[in-house]
């Protein structure tokens, strides 16, 4: 896309702290052991979401899928999963889910900071991000009150 638009550069704004030793797999393993009902509920919701996406991939165009994915109710659809994760404790009572979600949110804040430090007045940006990070990033940009956001749906 950048080449087609003849842009002079593409900026990487993601951040992943490689020193993080707690993974989402660790958190879900704890949930499976210590909170089996919550674990089952989260896994069922994830499976339903996955099946719905697979159905769309099999039957819709990329444009149609992107339109659907960027509807407000879909953008916020994953947030209940992360909020449920905050309740997960390991066998010792450690709030491993909350720790992981805090790291995930720190990543969102770092992505926001990386984007903002590269923005200049009157710049126009196209930001492409994974679905789980879009809603927090949009919220941060809206709350900054320094950025005029144009929904991608205006271009799809």
N, C-alpha and C. Protein backbone atom coordinates (compact mmCIF):
# COMPACT_ATOMS: atom_id res chain seq x y z
N UNK A 1 0.83 -1.18 0.00
CA UNK A 1 0.00 0.00 0.00
C UNK A 1 0.88 1.25 0.00
N UNK A 2 1.93 1.23 0.82
CA UNK A 2 2.82 2.39 0.89
C UNK A 2 3.49 2.64 -0.46
N UNK A 3 3.85 1.58 -1.13
CA UNK A 3 4.47 1.73 -2.44
C UNK A 3 3.47 2.31 -3.45
N UNK A 4 2.24 1.81 -3.43
CA UNK A 4 1.20 2.31 -4.34
C UNK A 4 0.92 3.78 -4.08
N UNK A 5 1.03 4.21 -2.81
CA UNK A 5 0.79 5.60 -2.46
C UNK A 5 2.04 6.47 -2.60
N UNK A 6 3.14 5.82 -3.01
CA UNK A 6 4.43 6.51 -3.19
C UNK A 6 4.88 7.23 -1.91
N UNK A 7 4.69 6.54 -0.79
CA UNK A 7 5.11 7.10 0.48
C UNK A 7 6.62 6.92 0.65
N UNK A 8 7.29 7.91 1.22
CA UNK A 8 8.75 7.79 1.38
C UNK A 8 9.17 6.78 2.44
N UNK A 9 8.25 6.47 3.39
CA UNK A 9 8.63 5.53 4.44
C UNK A 9 7.41 4.94 5.13
N UNK A 10 7.67 3.82 5.79
CA UNK A 10 6.67 3.16 6.62
C UNK A 10 7.25 3.13 8.03
N UNK A 11 6.45 3.47 9.02
CA UNK A 11 6.92 3.51 10.40
C UNK A 11 6.43 2.27 11.16
N UNK A 12 7.33 1.62 11.83
CA UNK A 12 6.95 0.52 12.72
C UNK A 12 6.69 1.12 14.10
N UNK A 13 5.53 0.83 14.66
CA UNK A 13 5.19 1.43 15.96
C UNK A 13 4.89 0.38 17.02
N UNK A 14 4.96 -0.89 16.65
CA UNK A 14 4.64 -1.95 17.60
C UNK A 14 5.74 -2.07 18.65
N UNK A 15 5.39 -2.75 19.72
CA UNK A 15 6.33 -2.97 20.81
C UNK A 15 6.00 -4.31 21.45
N UNK A 16 7.01 -5.11 21.64
CA UNK A 16 6.83 -6.37 22.36
C UNK A 16 8.01 -6.51 23.29
N UNK A 17 7.72 -6.54 24.56
CA UNK A 17 8.76 -6.68 25.57
C UNK A 17 9.18 -8.13 25.62
N UNK A 18 10.35 -8.43 25.07
CA UNK A 18 10.82 -9.81 25.00
C UNK A 18 11.15 -10.39 26.37
N UNK A 19 11.26 -9.56 27.39
CA UNK A 19 11.58 -10.08 28.72
C UNK A 19 10.34 -10.60 29.44
N UNK A 20 9.16 -10.39 28.85
CA UNK A 20 7.93 -10.89 29.48
C UNK A 20 7.98 -12.41 29.52
N UNK A 21 7.93 -12.96 30.70
CA UNK A 21 7.99 -14.41 30.82
C UNK A 21 6.60 -15.04 30.96
N UNK A 22 5.61 -14.25 31.30
CA UNK A 22 4.25 -14.75 31.46
C UNK A 22 3.55 -14.67 30.11
N UNK A 23 3.09 -15.81 29.61
CA UNK A 23 2.42 -15.84 28.31
C UNK A 23 0.92 -16.04 28.50
N UNK A 24 0.18 -15.78 27.44
CA UNK A 24 -1.26 -16.01 27.49
C UNK A 24 -1.53 -17.50 27.70
N UNK A 25 -0.66 -18.35 27.17
CA UNK A 25 -0.79 -19.79 27.39
C UNK A 25 -0.67 -20.15 28.86
N UNK A 26 0.27 -19.49 29.56
CA UNK A 26 0.42 -19.71 31.00
C UNK A 26 -0.85 -19.32 31.75
N UNK A 27 -1.41 -18.18 31.37
CA UNK A 27 -2.61 -17.67 32.03
C UNK A 27 -3.78 -18.63 31.81
N UNK A 28 -3.95 -19.06 30.57
CA UNK A 28 -5.07 -19.96 30.27
C UNK A 28 -4.87 -21.32 30.93
N UNK A 29 -3.64 -21.78 31.05
CA UNK A 29 -3.37 -23.04 31.76
C UNK A 29 -3.76 -22.90 33.24
N UNK A 30 -3.47 -21.76 33.82
CA UNK A 30 -3.89 -21.52 35.20
C UNK A 30 -5.40 -21.50 35.31
N UNK A 31 -6.06 -20.85 34.38
CA UNK A 31 -7.52 -20.79 34.39
C UNK A 31 -8.13 -22.18 34.28
N UNK A 32 -7.54 -23.01 33.43
CA UNK A 32 -8.06 -24.37 33.24
C UNK A 32 -8.01 -25.15 34.55
N UNK A 33 -6.96 -24.91 35.33
CA UNK A 33 -6.78 -25.64 36.58
C UNK A 33 -7.56 -25.02 37.74
N UNK A 34 -7.46 -23.71 37.88
CA UNK A 34 -8.02 -23.06 39.07
C UNK A 34 -9.43 -22.51 38.89
N UNK A 35 -9.82 -22.25 37.65
CA UNK A 35 -11.14 -21.65 37.38
C UNK A 35 -11.76 -22.32 36.16
N UNK A 36 -12.04 -23.61 36.24
CA UNK A 36 -12.48 -24.35 35.05
C UNK A 36 -13.75 -23.80 34.39
N UNK A 37 -14.69 -23.28 35.17
CA UNK A 37 -15.91 -22.73 34.56
C UNK A 37 -15.61 -21.49 33.73
N UNK A 38 -14.79 -20.60 34.28
CA UNK A 38 -14.39 -19.41 33.53
C UNK A 38 -13.59 -19.81 32.29
N UNK A 39 -12.70 -20.77 32.46
CA UNK A 39 -11.90 -21.26 31.34
C UNK A 39 -12.81 -21.77 30.21
N UNK A 40 -13.77 -22.63 30.56
CA UNK A 40 -14.68 -23.18 29.55
C UNK A 40 -15.46 -22.07 28.85
N UNK A 41 -15.94 -21.13 29.62
CA UNK A 41 -16.70 -20.02 29.06
C UNK A 41 -15.84 -19.21 28.07
N UNK A 42 -14.62 -18.92 28.47
CA UNK A 42 -13.73 -18.15 27.60
C UNK A 42 -13.38 -18.93 26.33
N UNK A 43 -13.14 -20.21 26.48
CA UNK A 43 -12.79 -21.04 25.32
C UNK A 43 -13.97 -21.17 24.37
N UNK A 44 -15.18 -21.32 24.91
CA UNK A 44 -16.37 -21.41 24.06
C UNK A 44 -16.58 -20.11 23.28
N UNK A 45 -16.42 -18.99 23.97
CA UNK A 45 -16.58 -17.69 23.29
C UNK A 45 -15.52 -17.54 22.19
N UNK A 46 -14.30 -17.93 22.50
CA UNK A 46 -13.22 -17.85 21.50
C UNK A 46 -13.49 -18.75 20.31
N UNK A 47 -14.00 -19.93 20.57
CA UNK A 47 -14.31 -20.87 19.49
C UNK A 47 -15.44 -20.33 18.61
N UNK A 48 -16.46 -19.75 19.22
CA UNK A 48 -17.55 -19.17 18.44
C UNK A 48 -17.03 -18.04 17.55
N UNK A 49 -16.19 -17.21 18.11
CA UNK A 49 -15.60 -16.10 17.36
C UNK A 49 -14.78 -16.63 16.20
N UNK A 50 -13.98 -17.64 16.47
CA UNK A 50 -13.13 -18.25 15.44
C UNK A 50 -13.96 -18.88 14.33
N UNK A 51 -15.01 -19.59 14.69
CA UNK A 51 -15.88 -20.21 13.69
C UNK A 51 -16.57 -19.15 12.83
N UNK A 52 -17.01 -18.07 13.47
CA UNK A 52 -17.65 -16.99 12.72
C UNK A 52 -16.68 -16.36 11.73
N UNK A 53 -15.45 -16.17 12.15
CA UNK A 53 -14.45 -15.60 11.25
C UNK A 53 -14.15 -16.57 10.11
N UNK A 54 -14.01 -17.85 10.42
CA UNK A 54 -13.73 -18.83 9.36
C UNK A 54 -14.86 -18.88 8.34
N UNK A 55 -16.09 -18.78 8.81
CA UNK A 55 -17.23 -18.76 7.88
C UNK A 55 -17.11 -17.56 6.94
N UNK A 56 -16.78 -16.42 7.48
CA UNK A 56 -16.63 -15.22 6.65
C UNK A 56 -15.49 -15.38 5.65
N UNK A 57 -14.37 -15.91 6.10
CA UNK A 57 -13.22 -16.12 5.21
C UNK A 57 -13.62 -17.03 4.05
N UNK A 58 -14.44 -18.02 4.34
CA UNK A 58 -14.86 -18.97 3.30
C UNK A 58 -15.89 -18.42 2.34
N UNK A 59 -16.65 -17.39 2.75
CA UNK A 59 -17.79 -16.95 1.95
C UNK A 59 -17.80 -15.47 1.57
N UNK A 60 -16.87 -14.69 2.05
CA UNK A 60 -16.91 -13.25 1.77
C UNK A 60 -15.59 -12.77 1.19
N UNK A 61 -15.66 -11.61 0.57
CA UNK A 61 -14.44 -10.98 0.04
C UNK A 61 -13.65 -10.35 1.18
N UNK A 62 -12.42 -10.04 0.92
CA UNK A 62 -11.58 -9.37 1.92
C UNK A 62 -12.21 -8.04 2.30
N UNK A 63 -12.72 -7.32 1.34
CA UNK A 63 -13.37 -6.04 1.61
C UNK A 63 -14.55 -6.20 2.57
N UNK A 64 -15.39 -7.20 2.31
CA UNK A 64 -16.54 -7.45 3.18
C UNK A 64 -16.10 -7.82 4.59
N UNK A 65 -15.08 -8.63 4.68
CA UNK A 65 -14.56 -9.03 5.99
C UNK A 65 -14.01 -7.82 6.74
N UNK A 66 -13.24 -6.99 6.06
CA UNK A 66 -12.69 -5.79 6.71
C UNK A 66 -13.79 -4.83 7.15
N UNK A 67 -14.83 -4.68 6.34
CA UNK A 67 -15.96 -3.85 6.76
C UNK A 67 -16.59 -4.39 8.04
N UNK A 68 -16.81 -5.70 8.07
CA UNK A 68 -17.40 -6.33 9.25
C UNK A 68 -16.49 -6.19 10.47
N UNK A 69 -15.21 -6.46 10.30
CA UNK A 69 -14.26 -6.41 11.41
C UNK A 69 -14.15 -5.02 12.01
N UNK A 70 -14.39 -3.99 11.21
CA UNK A 70 -14.22 -2.61 11.68
C UNK A 70 -15.52 -1.96 12.13
N UNK A 71 -16.59 -2.73 12.27
CA UNK A 71 -17.80 -2.20 12.88
C UNK A 71 -17.56 -2.06 14.37
N UNK A 72 -18.10 -1.01 14.99
CA UNK A 72 -17.85 -0.79 16.42
C UNK A 72 -18.12 -2.00 17.30
N UNK A 73 -19.21 -2.72 17.05
CA UNK A 73 -19.52 -3.87 17.91
C UNK A 73 -18.51 -5.00 17.74
N UNK A 74 -17.89 -5.10 16.58
CA UNK A 74 -16.86 -6.12 16.39
C UNK A 74 -15.53 -5.67 16.99
N UNK A 75 -15.23 -4.39 16.88
CA UNK A 75 -13.97 -3.88 17.45
C UNK A 75 -13.92 -4.06 18.96
N UNK A 76 -15.07 -3.94 19.61
CA UNK A 76 -15.09 -4.10 21.07
C UNK A 76 -15.41 -5.52 21.49
N UNK A 77 -15.68 -6.39 20.55
CA UNK A 77 -16.10 -7.75 20.86
C UNK A 77 -15.09 -8.58 21.63
N UNK A 78 -13.82 -8.27 21.50
CA UNK A 78 -12.79 -9.06 22.18
C UNK A 78 -12.52 -8.56 23.60
N UNK A 79 -12.96 -7.36 23.92
CA UNK A 79 -12.66 -6.79 25.23
C UNK A 79 -13.20 -7.60 26.41
N UNK A 80 -14.39 -8.20 26.33
CA UNK A 80 -14.83 -9.03 27.45
C UNK A 80 -13.87 -10.18 27.77
N UNK A 81 -13.20 -10.71 26.76
CA UNK A 81 -12.21 -11.77 26.98
C UNK A 81 -11.07 -11.25 27.86
N UNK A 82 -10.56 -10.07 27.54
CA UNK A 82 -9.46 -9.50 28.32
C UNK A 82 -9.91 -9.12 29.73
N UNK A 83 -11.12 -8.64 29.86
CA UNK A 83 -11.64 -8.31 31.19
C UNK A 83 -11.83 -9.57 32.02
N UNK A 84 -12.30 -10.64 31.41
CA UNK A 84 -12.43 -11.91 32.13
C UNK A 84 -11.06 -12.42 32.57
N UNK A 85 -10.06 -12.19 31.75
CA UNK A 85 -8.70 -12.65 32.11
C UNK A 85 -8.21 -12.04 33.42
N UNK A 86 -8.67 -10.84 33.74
CA UNK A 86 -8.19 -10.18 34.96
C UNK A 86 -8.58 -10.96 36.22
N UNK A 87 -9.54 -11.87 36.09
CA UNK A 87 -10.01 -12.64 37.24
C UNK A 87 -9.19 -13.91 37.48
N UNK A 88 -8.33 -14.26 36.55
CA UNK A 88 -7.62 -15.54 36.63
C UNK A 88 -6.44 -15.47 37.60
N UNK A 89 -6.44 -16.43 38.50
CA UNK A 89 -5.33 -16.58 39.45
C UNK A 89 -4.69 -17.94 39.23
N UNK A 90 -3.41 -18.05 39.58
CA UNK A 90 -2.76 -19.36 39.51
C UNK A 90 -3.02 -20.13 40.80
N UNK A 91 -2.42 -21.29 40.93
CA UNK A 91 -2.66 -22.15 42.09
C UNK A 91 -2.21 -21.52 43.40
N UNK A 92 -1.31 -20.54 43.33
CA UNK A 92 -0.83 -19.85 44.53
C UNK A 92 -1.61 -18.57 44.83
N UNK A 93 -2.62 -18.27 44.02
CA UNK A 93 -3.41 -17.07 44.24
C UNK A 93 -2.88 -15.83 43.52
N UNK A 94 -1.79 -15.98 42.80
CA UNK A 94 -1.21 -14.86 42.05
C UNK A 94 -2.15 -14.48 40.92
N UNK A 95 -2.38 -13.21 40.75
CA UNK A 95 -3.29 -12.69 39.71
C UNK A 95 -2.58 -12.68 38.34
N UNK A 96 -2.35 -13.88 37.81
CA UNK A 96 -1.60 -13.99 36.56
C UNK A 96 -2.35 -13.37 35.39
N UNK A 97 -3.67 -13.47 35.39
CA UNK A 97 -4.46 -12.87 34.32
C UNK A 97 -4.35 -11.35 34.33
N UNK A 98 -4.46 -10.78 35.50
CA UNK A 98 -4.34 -9.33 35.64
C UNK A 98 -2.94 -8.86 35.22
N UNK A 99 -1.93 -9.60 35.62
CA UNK A 99 -0.56 -9.25 35.23
C UNK A 99 -0.41 -9.26 33.71
N UNK A 100 -0.96 -10.31 33.08
CA UNK A 100 -0.83 -10.40 31.62
C UNK A 100 -1.59 -9.29 30.92
N UNK A 101 -2.81 -8.99 31.38
CA UNK A 101 -3.59 -7.92 30.77
C UNK A 101 -2.91 -6.57 30.99
N UNK A 102 -2.28 -6.37 32.13
CA UNK A 102 -1.55 -5.12 32.38
C UNK A 102 -0.39 -4.98 31.39
N UNK A 103 0.28 -6.08 31.09
CA UNK A 103 1.36 -6.06 30.09
C UNK A 103 0.81 -5.76 28.71
N UNK A 104 -0.34 -6.37 28.39
CA UNK A 104 -1.00 -6.12 27.11
C UNK A 104 -1.39 -4.64 26.99
N UNK A 105 -1.92 -4.08 28.07
CA UNK A 105 -2.31 -2.67 28.03
C UNK A 105 -1.08 -1.76 27.97
N UNK A 106 0.00 -2.15 28.63
CA UNK A 106 1.25 -1.38 28.52
C UNK A 106 1.73 -1.38 27.07
N UNK A 107 1.56 -2.51 26.39
CA UNK A 107 1.91 -2.58 24.97
C UNK A 107 1.07 -1.60 24.17
N UNK A 108 -0.25 -1.53 24.45
CA UNK A 108 -1.11 -0.58 23.75
C UNK A 108 -0.67 0.85 23.98
N UNK A 109 -0.31 1.18 25.21
CA UNK A 109 0.16 2.53 25.52
C UNK A 109 1.48 2.83 24.82
N UNK A 110 2.35 1.86 24.71
CA UNK A 110 3.62 2.06 24.02
C UNK A 110 3.40 2.25 22.52
N UNK A 111 2.49 1.48 21.95
CA UNK A 111 2.14 1.65 20.53
C UNK A 111 1.63 3.07 20.31
N UNK A 112 0.74 3.52 21.18
CA UNK A 112 0.20 4.88 21.09
C UNK A 112 1.34 5.91 21.18
N UNK A 113 2.21 5.75 22.16
CA UNK A 113 3.32 6.70 22.33
C UNK A 113 4.24 6.70 21.12
N UNK A 114 4.52 5.53 20.58
CA UNK A 114 5.38 5.44 19.38
C UNK A 114 4.73 6.15 18.20
N UNK A 115 3.43 5.98 18.05
CA UNK A 115 2.72 6.65 16.96
C UNK A 115 2.75 8.16 17.15
N UNK A 116 2.39 8.61 18.34
CA UNK A 116 2.31 10.05 18.59
C UNK A 116 3.66 10.75 18.44
N UNK A 117 4.74 10.11 18.84
CA UNK A 117 6.04 10.79 18.73
C UNK A 117 6.50 10.92 17.28
N UNK A 118 5.91 10.13 16.39
CA UNK A 118 6.26 10.23 14.97
C UNK A 118 5.34 11.18 14.20
N UNK A 119 4.19 11.50 14.79
CA UNK A 119 3.22 12.36 14.11
C UNK A 119 3.65 13.82 14.16
N UNK A 120 3.45 14.47 13.04
CA UNK A 120 3.71 15.91 12.96
C UNK A 120 2.37 16.59 12.66
N UNK A 121 2.25 17.89 13.01
CA UNK A 121 1.01 18.61 12.68
C UNK A 121 0.70 18.49 11.18
N UNK A 122 -0.54 18.31 10.87
CA UNK A 122 -1.04 18.19 9.49
C UNK A 122 -0.64 16.89 8.79
N UNK A 123 -0.01 15.95 9.52
CA UNK A 123 0.26 14.63 8.95
C UNK A 123 -1.05 13.89 8.75
N UNK A 124 -1.03 12.98 7.79
CA UNK A 124 -2.13 12.04 7.60
C UNK A 124 -1.51 10.65 7.73
N UNK A 125 -2.14 9.83 8.53
CA UNK A 125 -1.62 8.49 8.79
C UNK A 125 -2.66 7.44 8.50
N UNK A 126 -2.21 6.32 7.99
CA UNK A 126 -3.02 5.12 7.91
C UNK A 126 -2.36 4.15 8.88
N UNK A 127 -3.11 3.74 9.89
CA UNK A 127 -2.58 2.82 10.89
C UNK A 127 -3.30 1.49 10.72
N UNK A 128 -2.52 0.44 10.51
CA UNK A 128 -3.06 -0.90 10.34
C UNK A 128 -2.63 -1.71 11.55
N UNK A 129 -3.63 -2.26 12.23
CA UNK A 129 -3.32 -2.98 13.47
C UNK A 129 -4.19 -4.20 13.64
N UNK A 130 -3.71 -5.14 14.43
CA UNK A 130 -4.47 -6.33 14.77
C UNK A 130 -5.70 -5.97 15.57
N UNK A 131 -6.75 -6.76 15.38
CA UNK A 131 -8.06 -6.44 15.94
C UNK A 131 -8.05 -6.22 17.44
N UNK A 132 -7.26 -6.98 18.18
CA UNK A 132 -7.27 -6.85 19.63
C UNK A 132 -6.70 -5.51 20.11
N UNK A 133 -5.94 -4.85 19.28
CA UNK A 133 -5.31 -3.59 19.68
C UNK A 133 -6.02 -2.35 19.14
N UNK A 134 -6.93 -2.55 18.20
CA UNK A 134 -7.58 -1.40 17.55
C UNK A 134 -8.38 -0.56 18.54
N UNK A 135 -9.25 -1.19 19.31
CA UNK A 135 -10.12 -0.43 20.22
C UNK A 135 -9.32 0.37 21.26
N UNK A 136 -8.35 -0.25 21.95
CA UNK A 136 -7.58 0.56 22.90
C UNK A 136 -6.82 1.71 22.21
N UNK A 137 -6.28 1.44 21.02
CA UNK A 137 -5.54 2.48 20.31
C UNK A 137 -6.48 3.62 19.88
N UNK A 138 -7.64 3.27 19.37
CA UNK A 138 -8.62 4.31 19.00
C UNK A 138 -9.02 5.14 20.21
N UNK A 139 -9.26 4.47 21.34
CA UNK A 139 -9.66 5.17 22.55
C UNK A 139 -8.57 6.14 23.00
N UNK A 140 -7.34 5.71 22.97
CA UNK A 140 -6.23 6.58 23.37
C UNK A 140 -6.11 7.78 22.44
N UNK A 141 -6.25 7.54 21.14
CA UNK A 141 -6.16 8.65 20.18
C UNK A 141 -7.32 9.61 20.35
N UNK A 142 -8.53 9.10 20.59
CA UNK A 142 -9.69 9.97 20.83
C UNK A 142 -9.50 10.78 22.11
N UNK A 143 -9.03 10.13 23.14
CA UNK A 143 -8.87 10.79 24.44
C UNK A 143 -7.78 11.85 24.42
N UNK A 144 -6.82 11.73 23.50
CA UNK A 144 -5.75 12.73 23.42
C UNK A 144 -6.28 14.07 22.96
N UNK A 145 -7.37 14.05 22.23
CA UNK A 145 -8.01 15.26 21.68
C UNK A 145 -7.10 16.05 20.74
N UNK A 146 -6.02 15.42 20.30
CA UNK A 146 -5.09 16.07 19.38
C UNK A 146 -5.15 15.49 17.97
N UNK A 147 -5.98 14.49 17.78
CA UNK A 147 -5.99 13.76 16.53
C UNK A 147 -7.42 13.70 15.99
N UNK A 148 -7.56 13.97 14.72
CA UNK A 148 -8.85 13.79 14.06
C UNK A 148 -8.85 12.41 13.42
N UNK A 149 -9.73 11.56 13.90
CA UNK A 149 -9.80 10.19 13.39
C UNK A 149 -10.84 10.08 12.29
N UNK A 150 -10.49 9.37 11.25
CA UNK A 150 -11.41 9.07 10.17
C UNK A 150 -11.55 7.55 10.14
N UNK A 151 -12.75 7.03 10.32
CA UNK A 151 -12.91 5.58 10.35
C UNK A 151 -12.54 4.93 9.02
N UNK A 152 -11.94 3.78 9.10
CA UNK A 152 -11.54 3.07 7.90
C UNK A 152 -12.76 2.71 7.06
N UNK A 153 -13.91 2.58 7.71
CA UNK A 153 -15.14 2.25 6.97
C UNK A 153 -15.46 3.30 5.91
N UNK A 154 -14.97 4.53 6.09
CA UNK A 154 -15.19 5.57 5.07
C UNK A 154 -14.47 5.24 3.76
N UNK A 155 -13.49 4.34 3.82
CA UNK A 155 -12.69 4.00 2.64
C UNK A 155 -12.93 2.59 2.14
N UNK A 156 -13.65 1.81 2.89
CA UNK A 156 -13.91 0.43 2.47
C UNK A 156 -15.19 0.40 1.69
